[in-house]
Amino acid sequence: MAASVKITPEALEQAGRLDEPIYSRIQKAIERLENWPKVSGVKALRGGLAGHFRIRTGDFRVQFRLEGQAVIVEKIGHRDGFYED
């Protein structure tokens, strides 16, 4: 069964600021999340972000969390400063 992927308004706004080639790569990474939990390259985050995960494509990251069968994409951005908030 495929997971449903939901994207927060903040993540949609962040994605909208990306250049087209990077946006396409991010879109493909998010589509891969529909196969949760059979997704390669996912890393569980630690510390203050425990319970969250990230998948990367090049220098860009997609941060997400799980809610039941849903994958909630929370943040999209460049790795520089990505984990600071």
Protein backbone atom coordinates (compact mmCIF):
# COMPACT_ATOMS: atom_id res chain seq x y z
CA MET A 1 0.00 0.00 0.00
CA ALA A 2 1.33 3.41 -0.92
CA ALA A 3 1.67 6.11 1.70
CA SER A 4 -0.16 9.36 1.09
CA VAL A 5 2.24 12.28 0.84
CA LYS A 6 1.10 15.68 2.10
CA ILE A 7 3.11 18.87 1.74
CA THR A 8 2.78 21.73 4.22
CA PRO A 9 2.15 25.24 2.85
CA GLU A 10 5.62 26.27 4.09
CA ALA A 11 7.29 23.46 2.15
CA LEU A 12 5.27 24.34 -0.99
CA GLU A 13 6.45 27.94 -0.69
CA GLN A 14 10.07 26.80 -0.25
CA ALA A 15 9.78 24.52 -3.30
CA GLY A 16 8.33 27.37 -5.36
CA ARG A 17 11.52 29.39 -4.83
CA LEU A 18 13.76 26.72 -6.39
CA ASP A 19 15.15 26.79 -9.91
CA GLU A 20 13.44 24.41 -12.33
CA PRO A 21 16.09 21.63 -12.52
CA ILE A 22 16.31 21.47 -8.72
CA TYR A 23 12.53 21.65 -8.36
CA SER A 24 12.21 18.63 -10.67
CA ARG A 25 14.70 16.64 -8.59
CA ILE A 26 12.89 17.55 -5.37
CA GLN A 27 9.58 16.52 -6.95
CA LYS A 28 11.02 13.10 -7.84
CA ALA A 29 12.35 12.66 -4.29
CA ILE A 30 8.91 13.48 -2.86
CA GLU A 31 7.25 11.03 -5.27
CA ARG A 32 9.60 8.32 -3.98
CA LEU A 33 8.18 8.89 -0.48
CA GLU A 34 4.89 7.35 -1.68
CA ASN A 35 6.69 4.00 -1.35
CA TRP A 36 7.28 4.51 2.38
CA PRO A 37 8.82 2.62 4.19
CA LYS A 38 10.63 1.11 1.17
CA VAL A 39 12.54 4.30 0.33
CA SER A 40 16.32 4.27 0.06
CA GLY A 41 18.48 7.15 1.21
CA VAL A 42 16.24 8.25 4.08
CA LYS A 43 17.98 9.27 7.28
CA ALA A 44 16.35 9.60 10.69
CA LEU A 45 17.18 12.91 12.34
CA ARG A 46 18.37 13.22 15.93
CA GLY A 47 18.39 15.71 18.75
CA GLY A 48 15.68 18.36 18.55
CA LEU A 49 14.51 16.86 15.26
CA ALA A 50 14.10 13.31 16.59
CA GLY A 51 11.05 11.71 14.99
CA HIS A 52 11.69 13.49 11.71
CA PHE A 53 13.47 12.19 8.62
CA ARG A 54 15.24 13.61 5.62
CA ILE A 55 15.88 12.54 2.07
CA ARG A 56 18.47 14.33 -0.02
CA THR A 57 19.01 15.05 -3.65
CA GLY A 58 22.37 16.67 -4.32
CA ASP A 59 22.82 19.62 -1.97
CA PHE A 60 19.09 19.86 -1.25
CA ARG A 61 17.09 18.25 1.52
CA VAL A 62 13.45 17.31 2.09
CA GLN A 63 12.48 16.99 5.75
CA PHE A 64 9.40 14.99 6.67
CA ARG A 65 7.61 13.23 9.49
CA LEU A 66 5.12 10.39 9.67
CA GLU A 67 1.50 10.59 10.83
CA GLY A 68 -0.04 7.14 10.62
CA GLN A 69 0.15 6.13 6.94
CA ALA A 70 0.79 9.72 5.83
CA VAL A 71 4.17 11.24 5.05
CA ILE A 72 4.12 14.97 5.88
CA VAL A 73 6.75 17.01 4.00
CA GLU A 74 7.62 19.92 6.28
CA LYS A 75 10.65 21.62 4.82
CA ILE A 76 12.57 21.83 1.55
CA GLY A 77 15.87 23.63 1.09
CA HIS A 78 19.61 23.78 0.55
CA ARG A 79 21.76 21.88 3.03
CA ASP A 80 23.47 25.08 4.24
CA GLY A 81 21.59 26.03 7.39
CA PHE A 82 18.84 23.51 6.65
CA TYR A 83 18.78 22.05 10.16
CA GLU A 84 18.87 25.39 11.98
CA ASP A 85 15.59 26.89 13.10
